[in-house]
Amino acid sequence: MSGATTAAPANTARAAQPPHAGLTLLALATAGMVVSVQQTLVIPLLPQLMRRFDASVTAVTWVFTASLLAGAVATPLLSRFGDMYGKKKMILLAMGLLVAGSVVSAVSTSLPVLVAGRALQGTSSALVPLAIGMIRDVFPRERVTTAIGIVSATMGVGGSIGMIVTGLISRQTGSHAPVFWVAAGLGAAGLVLVGICAPTMDRRAGGRPDILGAAVLAAWLVCLLLGISQGNQWGWTSGGVLALFAAAAALCAAWVAIELKVREPLVRLALLVGPRSASANLASILLGFSMFAAFTLISNFVQTSKDQAGYGLSGSVLDVGLYMLPSTVTMLLFSSLAGRIAARIGPAYTLSLGSVFAGLSYVWLAVSNAHGYDMLAFSAIQGVGFGIAYAALGTLAVQHVPMDQSGIASGINSLVRTAGGSIAGAVTAAVLTGHTLAGTEIPTLGAYEACFWIVAAGAALAALVAAGHGMRHRT
């Protein structure tokens, strides 16, 4: 059976099952959902922010980009610090920064202040890998995959909720402040819940921070993700984008050299490109590509006026969230079943199975997209796929590493998933802007269908990578 058991040595210091395991899982899942809410609630606000601040598309895009960049830098740092100083402390720090960023965003009266608030919010992206590490520390082995699945499913659930919240609020007011006050309230509730319910573990990896490695890592990630996120606005062959990619490559090479030499590296490179880690991280990139693409593609497609474009569903922001509700339900249901599936066929093949369903959901939209029921069917199938796949992926990312490195291993896997999402945004935007209706800036139906096929191919590749991992690493 492939990967059904944990390859890493058993942790003799593993805590007994916490007395209130259900409350611990509820606290971690709630916190993960809040993080996902803040990632998507700003997407429908971008046109409104352009008018409010009299800013260009490129300038307003920083409201989204700043959060992405901050999350990319904070995820490996806080994950490593969680292994060193305690995961609960870092989870509380991440939630505290989310609350602070939400408040700054809510009271902002200028675009730079709003961007700064969003950057603070973005640091909370480190919470999910920290939560996965904590689950591995404190839950019995037979419950780990199911618990990881539930926490991982909050990424999709929170994304849908974020759209619904923004849709409801945007109907009542033209101000962006209420959306961020809601995020601040949810973040504060999650922080209190984690503080009360999550256990404090005494066992830590120790060591000293790799300050130089952290600084160089932050530098090359910023260059890479900034180049990806700004490619469409600046031009992929522009001097600025090419310079960013060149700087990212040079800084990445320097970072690798540092991590190979330093006595206590921030990231053990075997966790990134080792025999078992490489395939898990590649699958994570491809799944991130598929999932993040859905947020923008589906939002834009649903809101496209059928009278004007000849396709679309002529919906509102609220309708986007409502169409994605089936995904929320099926994702929660199947993430809770993923542990049983993995126990039978192993996490690698479970990941492959989930990726197949995710791909099929996009195939459905590529073939049939004219009616509301097409969107509902897509949503339900997508939830099945990502509910299974992300549960298995969280297990696959950490099952082969020592317990005291589970936080950083999960953090790296989350980081590459974010990179996959960034690439998805760039690729789909390039396709949509390159094929528009004559005399307009509205993408053609063929452009959307091409994007659905591209994203389906990404999920199919993830299925193949996961199946290959299962065949290579049999136990």
Protein backbone atom coordinates (compact mmCIF):
# COMPACT_ATOMS: atom_id res chain seq x y z
CA MET A 1 0.00 0.00 0.00
CA SER A 2 1.45 3.35 -1.05
CA GLY A 3 2.29 5.77 1.73
CA ALA A 4 -0.43 4.58 4.04
CA THR A 5 1.88 4.79 6.98
CA THR A 6 4.14 7.60 8.05
CA ALA A 7 7.66 7.15 6.83
CA ALA A 8 9.26 9.36 9.45
CA PRO A 9 10.26 7.77 12.72
CA ALA A 10 7.61 7.85 15.37
CA ASN A 11 7.86 10.75 17.75
CA THR A 12 8.27 9.31 21.22
CA ALA A 13 7.51 12.74 22.67
CA ARG A 14 4.16 12.98 20.88
CA ALA A 15 1.55 14.32 23.24
CA ALA A 16 -1.41 12.21 24.10
CA GLN A 17 -4.62 13.12 22.30
CA PRO A 18 -5.69 16.51 23.69
CA PRO A 19 -8.61 16.23 26.09
CA HIS A 20 -10.74 18.38 23.79
CA ALA A 21 -9.51 17.30 20.37
CA GLY A 22 -12.75 18.41 18.74
CA LEU A 23 -12.36 21.93 20.11
CA THR A 24 -8.73 22.05 19.01
CA LEU A 25 -9.71 21.09 15.48
CA LEU A 26 -12.59 23.58 15.52
CA ALA A 27 -10.24 26.37 16.59
CA LEU A 28 -7.65 25.57 13.91
CA ALA A 29 -10.28 25.16 11.17
CA THR A 30 -11.95 28.44 12.14
CA ALA A 31 -8.63 30.28 12.06
CA GLY A 32 -7.79 28.74 8.66
CA MET A 33 -11.18 29.79 7.29
CA VAL A 34 -10.64 33.39 8.44
CA VAL A 35 -7.29 33.46 6.64
CA SER A 36 -8.97 32.26 3.43
CA VAL A 37 -11.72 34.85 3.79
CA GLN A 38 -9.21 37.69 3.84
CA GLN A 39 -7.52 36.33 0.70
CA THR A 40 -10.64 36.57 -1.49
CA LEU A 41 -12.82 39.30 0.02
CA VAL A 42 -10.82 42.04 -1.68
CA ILE A 43 -11.10 40.66 -5.25
CA PRO A 44 -14.64 41.99 -5.91
CA LEU A 45 -13.68 45.35 -4.34
CA LEU A 46 -10.94 46.21 -6.86
CA PRO A 47 -13.19 48.12 -9.32
CA GLN A 48 -14.71 50.07 -6.43
CA LEU A 49 -11.26 50.93 -5.05
CA MET A 50 -10.17 52.27 -8.44
CA ARG A 51 -12.99 54.81 -8.31
CA ARG A 52 -12.58 55.63 -4.61
CA PHE A 53 -8.85 56.37 -4.82
CA ASP A 54 -8.86 57.54 -8.45
CA ALA A 55 -6.14 54.98 -9.16
CA SER A 56 -5.12 52.91 -12.17
CA VAL A 57 -5.62 49.15 -12.52
CA THR A 58 -1.89 48.61 -11.95
CA ALA A 59 -1.90 50.65 -8.73
CA VAL A 60 -5.02 49.00 -7.30
CA THR A 61 -3.64 45.53 -8.13
CA TRP A 62 -1.15 46.11 -5.32
CA VAL A 63 -4.03 45.68 -2.86
CA PHE A 64 -4.04 42.01 -3.87
CA THR A 65 -0.34 41.65 -4.72
CA ALA A 66 0.87 43.02 -1.37
CA SER A 67 -0.99 40.30 0.52
CA LEU A 68 0.40 37.63 -1.79
CA LEU A 69 3.98 38.82 -1.42
CA ALA A 70 3.75 39.16 2.37
CA GLY A 71 2.31 35.64 2.63
CA ALA A 72 5.06 34.20 0.44
CA VAL A 73 7.73 35.66 2.71
CA ALA A 74 6.01 35.00 6.04
CA THR A 75 5.02 31.37 5.39
CA PRO A 76 8.48 29.74 5.50
CA LEU A 77 9.67 32.12 8.23
CA LEU A 78 6.81 31.59 10.67
CA SER A 79 6.69 27.87 9.85
CA ARG A 80 10.36 27.50 10.79
CA PHE A 81 9.89 29.64 13.90
CA GLY A 82 6.91 27.45 14.82
CA ASP A 83 9.20 24.41 14.86
CA MET A 84 11.78 26.36 16.87
CA TYR A 85 9.70 28.31 19.40
CA GLY A 86 6.27 26.70 19.42
CA LYS A 87 3.50 26.51 16.83
CA LYS A 88 0.77 27.95 19.03
CA LYS A 89 2.77 31.13 19.58
CA MET A 90 3.26 31.60 15.85
CA ILE A 91 -0.41 30.88 15.09
CA LEU A 92 -1.44 33.54 17.61
CA LEU A 93 1.09 35.94 16.08
CA ALA A 94 -0.30 35.28 12.59
CA MET A 95 -3.86 35.90 13.76
CA GLY A 96 -2.79 39.03 15.60
CA LEU A 97 -1.18 40.41 12.43
CA LEU A 98 -4.35 39.60 10.49
CA VAL A 99 -6.45 41.57 12.97
CA ALA A 100 -4.01 44.48 12.92
CA GLY A 101 -3.92 44.50 9.12
CA SER A 102 -7.72 44.40 8.94
CA VAL A 103 -8.01 47.41 11.24
CA VAL A 104 -5.40 49.37 9.24
CA SER A 105 -7.27 48.53 6.02
CA ALA A 106 -10.62 49.51 7.51
CA VAL A 107 -9.46 52.98 8.64
CA SER A 108 -7.33 53.65 5.53
CA THR A 109 -8.11 56.78 3.56
CA SER A 110 -5.33 56.39 0.98
CA LEU A 111 -4.18 53.57 -1.27
CA PRO A 112 -0.67 53.21 0.27
CA VAL A 113 -2.14 52.75 3.75
CA LEU A 114 -4.59 50.16 2.44
CA VAL A 115 -1.75 48.30 0.72
CA ALA A 116 0.21 48.29 4.01
CA GLY A 117 -2.80 46.86 5.82
CA ARG A 118 -3.20 44.16 3.22
CA ALA A 119 0.47 43.22 3.60
CA LEU A 120 -0.08 42.72 7.33
CA GLN A 121 -3.12 40.59 6.57
CA GLY A 122 -1.11 38.52 4.11
CA THR A 123 1.35 37.34 6.75
CA SER A 124 -1.45 35.19 8.17
CA SER A 125 -1.02 32.80 5.22
CA ALA A 126 1.49 30.96 7.41
CA LEU A 127 -1.34 29.80 9.68
CA VAL A 128 -2.49 26.75 7.69
CA PRO A 129 0.93 25.03 7.55
CA LEU A 130 1.41 25.83 11.24
CA ALA A 131 -1.97 24.27 11.99
CA ILE A 132 -1.05 21.16 9.98
CA GLY A 133 2.18 20.88 11.97
CA MET A 134 0.27 21.18 15.24
CA ILE A 135 -2.19 18.48 14.17
CA ARG A 136 0.68 16.13 13.44
CA ASP A 137 2.15 16.89 16.86
CA VAL A 138 -0.92 16.27 18.98
CA PHE A 139 -3.43 14.05 17.16
CA PRO A 140 -3.31 10.24 17.06
CA ARG A 141 -1.86 8.96 13.79
CA GLU A 142 -5.14 7.44 12.63
CA ARG A 143 -6.85 10.84 12.88
CA VAL A 144 -4.12 12.99 11.36
CA THR A 145 -5.17 12.78 7.69
CA THR A 146 -8.83 13.52 8.47
CA ALA A 147 -7.93 16.49 10.69
CA ILE A 148 -5.50 17.85 8.09
CA GLY A 149 -8.21 17.47 5.47
CA ILE A 150 -10.72 19.50 7.44
CA VAL A 151 -8.24 22.33 8.05
CA SER A 152 -7.10 22.26 4.41
CA ALA A 153 -10.70 22.40 3.21
CA THR A 154 -11.11 25.76 4.92
CA MET A 155 -9.12 27.32 2.06
CA GLY A 156 -11.97 26.72 -0.37
CA VAL A 157 -14.72 27.26 2.18
CA GLY A 158 -13.30 30.58 3.29
CA GLY A 159 -12.88 31.68 -0.32
CA SER A 160 -16.59 31.20 -0.99
CA ILE A 161 -17.58 32.88 2.27
CA GLY A 162 -15.36 35.84 1.46
CA MET A 163 -17.22 36.37 -1.80
CA ILE A 164 -20.61 36.14 -0.07
CA VAL A 165 -19.62 38.58 2.70
CA THR A 166 -18.31 41.11 0.20
CA GLY A 167 -21.39 40.69 -1.98
CA LEU A 168 -23.79 41.31 0.91
CA ILE A 169 -21.89 44.35 2.16
CA SER A 170 -21.38 45.89 -1.29
CA ARG A 171 -25.16 45.95 -1.73
CA GLN A 172 -25.51 48.21 1.32
CA THR A 173 -22.56 50.59 1.05
CA GLY A 174 -19.89 51.82 -1.34
CA SER A 175 -17.24 51.94 1.40
CA HIS A 176 -14.56 49.29 1.73
CA ALA A 177 -14.30 49.75 5.51
CA PRO A 178 -17.16 47.41 6.62
CA VAL A 179 -15.60 44.46 4.77
CA PHE A 180 -12.36 44.85 6.70
CA TRP A 181 -14.12 45.43 10.02
CA VAL A 182 -15.85 42.08 9.50
CA ALA A 183 -12.45 40.51 8.80
CA ALA A 184 -11.06 42.07 11.98
CA GLY A 185 -13.95 40.67 14.03
CA LEU A 186 -13.57 37.20 12.55
CA GLY A 187 -9.83 37.33 13.15
CA ALA A 188 -10.28 38.35 16.78
CA ALA A 189 -12.75 35.50 17.33
CA GLY A 190 -10.33 33.02 15.76
CA LEU A 191 -7.47 34.33 17.88
CA VAL A 192 -9.44 33.88 21.12
CA LEU A 193 -10.61 30.42 20.08
CA VAL A 194 -7.05 29.25 19.33
CA GLY A 195 -5.75 30.81 22.56
CA ILE A 196 -8.31 28.90 24.62
CA CYS A 197 -8.59 25.57 22.78
CA ALA A 198 -5.23 24.84 21.12
CA PRO A 199 -2.71 22.98 23.30
CA THR A 200 0.72 24.37 24.11
CA MET A 201 3.46 21.88 23.26
CA ASP A 202 6.67 21.81 25.28
CA ARG A 203 8.69 19.93 22.64
CA ARG A 204 10.50 22.29 20.25
CA ALA A 205 13.31 21.94 17.75
CA GLY A 206 15.37 24.77 19.23
CA GLY A 207 18.27 26.30 17.33
CA ARG A 208 19.01 29.82 16.23
CA PRO A 209 17.33 31.86 13.47
CA ASP A 210 19.01 31.88 10.07
CA ILE A 211 18.72 35.65 9.63
CA LEU A 212 20.79 35.90 6.44
CA GLY A 213 18.94 33.02 4.82
CA ALA A 214 15.61 34.58 5.75
CA ALA A 215 16.57 37.96 4.25
CA VAL A 216 17.79 36.48 0.96
CA LEU A 217 14.76 34.15 0.77
CA ALA A 218 12.45 37.14 1.20
CA ALA A 219 14.32 39.08 -1.48
CA TRP A 220 14.15 36.44 -4.21
CA LEU A 221 10.53 35.53 -3.45
CA VAL A 222 9.52 39.18 -3.71
CA CYS A 223 11.33 39.52 -7.06
CA LEU A 224 9.82 36.32 -8.44
CA LEU A 225 6.22 36.89 -7.37
CA LEU A 226 6.33 40.58 -8.22
CA GLY A 227 7.52 39.72 -11.73
CA ILE A 228 4.74 37.13 -12.13
CA SER A 229 2.01 39.38 -10.74
CA GLN A 230 3.02 42.44 -12.77
CA GLY A 231 3.83 40.69 -16.04
CA ASN A 232 0.54 41.59 -17.71
CA GLN A 233 0.63 45.23 -16.63
CA TRP A 234 4.29 45.92 -17.42
CA GLY A 235 4.70 43.49 -20.32
CA TRP A 236 6.41 40.11 -20.10
CA THR A 237 9.38 41.28 -22.17
CA SER A 238 9.68 44.68 -20.49
CA GLY A 239 12.94 45.63 -18.84
CA GLY A 240 11.34 45.74 -15.40
CA VAL A 241 9.91 42.20 -15.53
CA LEU A 242 13.05 40.69 -17.05
CA ALA A 243 15.18 42.45 -14.42
CA LEU A 244 12.98 41.05 -11.64
CA PHE A 245 13.27 37.50 -12.98
CA ALA A 246 17.04 37.85 -13.38
CA ALA A 247 17.35 39.19 -9.83
CA ALA A 248 15.17 36.34 -8.53
CA ALA A 249 17.40 33.76 -10.24
CA ALA A 250 20.60 35.31 -8.89
CA LEU A 251 19.25 35.70 -5.36
CA CYS A 252 17.84 32.16 -5.40
CA ALA A 253 21.29 30.80 -6.31
CA ALA A 254 22.83 32.82 -3.48
CA TRP A 255 20.17 31.56 -1.07
CA VAL A 256 20.84 27.92 -2.01
CA ALA A 257 24.54 28.46 -1.37
CA ILE A 258 23.78 30.00 2.04
CA GLU A 259 21.43 27.19 3.07
CA LEU A 260 24.00 24.56 2.11
CA LYS A 261 26.71 26.21 4.20
CA VAL A 262 24.93 27.48 7.30
CA ARG A 263 24.93 25.18 10.31
CA GLU A 264 21.23 25.59 11.10
CA PRO A 265 19.51 26.54 7.81
CA LEU A 266 16.10 28.14 7.66
CA VAL A 267 15.07 25.55 5.05
CA ARG A 268 16.63 22.13 4.71
CA LEU A 269 16.76 21.81 0.94
CA ALA A 270 15.90 18.13 1.12
CA LEU A 271 12.42 19.25 2.23
CA LEU A 272 12.08 21.22 -1.01
CA VAL A 273 13.67 18.98 -3.65
CA GLY A 274 14.30 15.67 -1.89
CA PRO A 275 13.08 12.43 -3.53
CA ARG A 276 9.77 12.46 -1.65
CA SER A 277 9.35 16.22 -1.27
CA ALA A 278 9.82 17.19 -4.92
CA SER A 279 6.75 15.36 -6.20
CA ALA A 280 4.57 16.58 -3.30
CA ASN A 281 5.66 20.17 -3.96
CA LEU A 282 5.15 19.85 -7.73
CA ALA A 283 1.64 18.52 -7.13
CA SER A 284 1.05 21.44 -4.76
CA ILE A 285 2.08 23.97 -7.44
CA LEU A 286 -0.30 22.38 -9.93
CA LEU A 287 -3.20 22.23 -7.47
CA GLY A 288 -2.56 25.82 -6.41
CA PHE A 289 -2.69 26.73 -10.09
CA SER A 290 -6.09 25.02 -10.42
CA MET A 291 -7.68 26.33 -7.23
CA PHE A 292 -6.58 29.98 -7.36
CA ALA A 293 -7.55 30.20 -11.04
CA ALA A 294 -11.13 29.40 -10.05
CA PHE A 295 -11.46 32.47 -7.82
CA THR A 296 -10.90 35.00 -10.60
CA LEU A 297 -12.17 32.99 -13.58
CA ILE A 298 -15.50 32.05 -11.98
CA SER A 299 -16.01 35.51 -10.46
CA ASN A 300 -15.54 37.22 -13.82
CA PHE A 301 -17.52 34.65 -15.81
CA VAL A 302 -20.55 34.74 -13.51
CA GLN A 303 -20.63 38.56 -13.54
CA THR A 304 -20.32 38.85 -17.34
CA SER A 305 -23.51 40.28 -18.87
CA LYS A 306 -25.06 37.78 -21.26
CA ASP A 307 -26.85 40.56 -23.14
CA GLN A 308 -23.57 42.36 -23.76
CA ALA A 309 -21.17 39.48 -24.35
CA GLY A 310 -23.45 36.70 -25.57
CA TYR A 311 -22.36 34.44 -22.70
CA GLY A 312 -22.03 34.60 -18.93
CA LEU A 313 -24.65 34.51 -16.17
CA SER A 314 -25.23 38.26 -15.59
CA GLY A 315 -24.74 37.72 -11.86
CA SER A 316 -23.61 39.88 -8.96
CA VAL A 317 -20.75 39.44 -6.50
CA LEU A 318 -23.21 37.78 -4.15
CA ASP A 319 -24.27 35.38 -6.90
CA VAL A 320 -20.64 34.30 -7.27
CA GLY A 321 -20.56 33.21 -3.65
CA LEU A 322 -23.92 31.48 -3.89
CA TYR A 323 -22.87 29.51 -6.97
CA MET A 324 -19.83 28.29 -5.03
CA LEU A 325 -21.85 27.08 -2.02
CA PRO A 326 -22.09 23.48 -3.32
CA SER A 327 -18.29 23.43 -3.38
CA THR A 328 -18.25 24.46 0.27
CA VAL A 329 -20.55 21.60 1.25
CA THR A 330 -18.86 18.86 -0.78
CA MET A 331 -15.39 20.05 0.20
CA LEU A 332 -16.18 19.79 3.91
CA LEU A 333 -17.85 16.39 3.45
CA PHE A 334 -15.13 14.75 1.38
CA SER A 335 -12.23 16.26 3.32
CA SER A 336 -13.59 14.45 6.37
CA LEU A 337 -13.70 11.19 4.37
CA ALA A 338 -10.20 11.59 2.95
CA GLY A 339 -8.61 9.91 5.96
CA ARG A 340 -10.55 6.70 5.31
CA ILE A 341 -9.69 6.78 1.62
CA ALA A 342 -5.99 7.33 2.38
CA ALA A 343 -6.04 4.46 4.87
CA ARG A 344 -7.12 2.16 2.03
CA ILE A 345 -5.07 3.37 -0.94
CA GLY A 346 -2.46 5.70 0.57
CA PRO A 347 -2.23 9.51 0.48
CA ALA A 348 -0.46 9.62 -2.91
CA TYR A 349 -3.22 7.80 -4.76
CA THR A 350 -5.81 9.72 -2.74
CA LEU A 351 -4.24 12.96 -3.97
CA SER A 352 -4.36 11.61 -7.52
CA LEU A 353 -8.05 10.73 -7.16
CA GLY A 354 -8.93 14.18 -5.85
CA SER A 355 -6.99 15.85 -8.65
CA VAL A 356 -8.96 13.85 -11.22
CA PHE A 357 -12.26 15.15 -9.83
CA ALA A 358 -10.89 18.71 -9.75
CA GLY A 359 -9.90 18.41 -13.40
CA LEU A 360 -13.29 16.98 -14.37
CA SER A 361 -15.03 20.01 -12.86
CA TYR A 362 -13.18 22.33 -15.23
CA VAL A 363 -13.83 20.01 -18.17
CA TRP A 364 -17.55 20.35 -17.39
CA LEU A 365 -17.33 24.16 -17.68
CA ALA A 366 -15.23 23.98 -20.82
CA VAL A 367 -17.89 21.84 -22.49
CA SER A 368 -21.10 23.26 -20.93
CA ASN A 369 -21.35 26.71 -19.35
CA ALA A 370 -24.53 28.37 -20.59
CA HIS A 371 -26.77 27.78 -17.57
CA GLY A 372 -26.75 28.29 -13.83
CA TYR A 373 -26.95 24.55 -13.23
CA ASP A 374 -23.67 24.15 -15.11
CA MET A 375 -21.99 26.38 -12.55
CA LEU A 376 -23.63 24.52 -9.66
CA ALA A 377 -22.49 21.15 -11.07
CA PHE A 378 -18.97 22.48 -11.54
CA SER A 379 -18.95 23.78 -7.97
CA ALA A 380 -20.09 20.47 -6.46
CA ILE A 381 -17.55 18.39 -8.42
CA GLN A 382 -14.74 20.84 -7.68
CA GLY A 383 -15.48 20.60 -3.95
CA VAL A 384 -15.20 16.81 -4.09
CA GLY A 385 -11.85 17.06 -5.84
CA PHE A 386 -10.22 19.69 -3.67
CA GLY A 387 -11.70 18.27 -0.47
CA ILE A 388 -9.96 14.96 -1.14
CA ALA A 389 -6.82 16.35 -2.76
CA TYR A 390 -5.85 18.98 -0.21
CA ALA A 391 -6.38 16.59 2.69
CA ALA A 392 -4.02 14.08 1.09
CA LEU A 393 -1.55 16.76 0.03
CA GLY A 394 -1.17 18.03 3.59
CA THR A 395 -0.30 14.51 4.73
CA LEU A 396 2.00 13.79 1.81
CA ALA A 397 4.00 16.97 2.49
CA VAL A 398 4.93 15.99 6.05
CA GLN A 399 4.70 12.19 6.36
CA HIS A 400 8.36 11.59 5.48
CA VAL A 401 9.97 14.30 7.65
CA PRO A 402 10.97 14.28 11.35
CA MET A 403 8.34 15.67 13.70
CA ASP A 404 10.43 18.72 14.57
CA GLN A 405 10.47 19.79 10.89
CA SER A 406 6.79 19.27 10.09
CA GLY A 407 6.01 22.98 10.31
CA ILE A 408 8.61 24.09 7.78
CA ALA A 409 7.87 21.14 5.46
CA SER A 410 4.19 22.11 5.40
CA GLY A 411 5.17 25.76 5.03
CA ILE A 412 7.28 25.07 1.95
CA ASN A 413 4.43 23.09 0.43
CA SER A 414 2.07 26.01 1.12
CA LEU A 415 4.58 28.44 -0.36
CA VAL A 416 4.85 26.61 -3.67
CA ARG A 417 1.05 26.36 -3.79
CA THR A 418 0.92 30.17 -3.54
CA ALA A 419 3.44 30.39 -6.37
CA GLY A 420 1.18 28.14 -8.44
CA GLY A 421 -1.74 30.45 -7.75
CA SER A 422 0.32 33.45 -8.86
CA ILE A 423 1.21 31.72 -12.11
CA ALA A 424 -2.47 30.85 -12.66
CA GLY A 425 -3.46 34.49 -12.36
CA ALA A 426 -0.82 35.55 -14.87
CA VAL A 427 -1.59 32.79 -17.40
CA THR A 428 -5.37 33.18 -17.36
CA ALA A 429 -5.14 36.99 -17.49
CA ALA A 430 -2.85 36.74 -20.53
CA VAL A 431 -5.34 34.46 -22.32
CA LEU A 432 -8.36 36.60 -21.46
CA THR A 433 -6.78 39.91 -22.41
CA GLY A 434 -5.35 38.46 -25.63
CA HIS A 435 -8.76 37.39 -27.00
CA THR A 436 -11.48 40.03 -26.69
CA LEU A 437 -14.73 40.87 -28.47
CA ALA A 438 -14.26 43.35 -31.31
CA GLY A 439 -14.19 46.95 -30.08
CA THR A 440 -14.36 45.96 -26.38
CA GLU A 441 -12.15 44.73 -23.57
CA ILE A 442 -14.52 41.83 -22.83
CA PRO A 443 -12.89 38.40 -23.27
CA THR A 444 -14.45 36.02 -25.77
CA LEU A 445 -16.22 32.86 -24.69
CA GLY A 446 -13.47 30.90 -26.42
CA ALA A 447 -10.89 32.60 -24.18
CA TYR A 448 -12.70 31.46 -21.04
CA GLU A 449 -13.11 27.94 -22.38
CA ALA A 450 -9.41 27.82 -23.23
CA CYS A 451 -8.63 28.83 -19.63
CA PHE A 452 -10.90 26.07 -18.31
CA TRP A 453 -9.03 23.53 -20.45
CA ILE A 454 -5.67 24.87 -19.27
CA VAL A 455 -6.66 24.62 -15.61
CA ALA A 456 -8.09 21.13 -16.17
CA ALA A 457 -4.74 20.14 -17.66
CA GLY A 458 -2.99 21.45 -14.54
CA ALA A 459 -5.16 19.24 -12.34
CA ALA A 460 -4.56 16.25 -14.64
CA LEU A 461 -0.80 16.76 -14.36
CA ALA A 462 -1.15 16.88 -10.57
CA ALA A 463 -2.95 13.52 -10.72
CA LEU A 464 -0.13 12.01 -12.78
CA VAL A 465 2.57 13.39 -10.48
CA ALA A 466 0.78 12.01 -7.41
CA ALA A 467 0.25 8.59 -9.01
CA GLY A 468 3.93 8.50 -9.98
CA HIS A 469 4.87 9.32 -6.38
CA GLY A 470 2.72 6.43 -5.19
CA MET A 471 4.36 3.98 -7.56
CA ARG A 472 7.92 5.12 -6.72
CA HIS A 473 7.53 5.19 -2.93
CA ARG A 474 5.71 2.03 -1.97
CA THR A 475 5.77 0.88 1.67
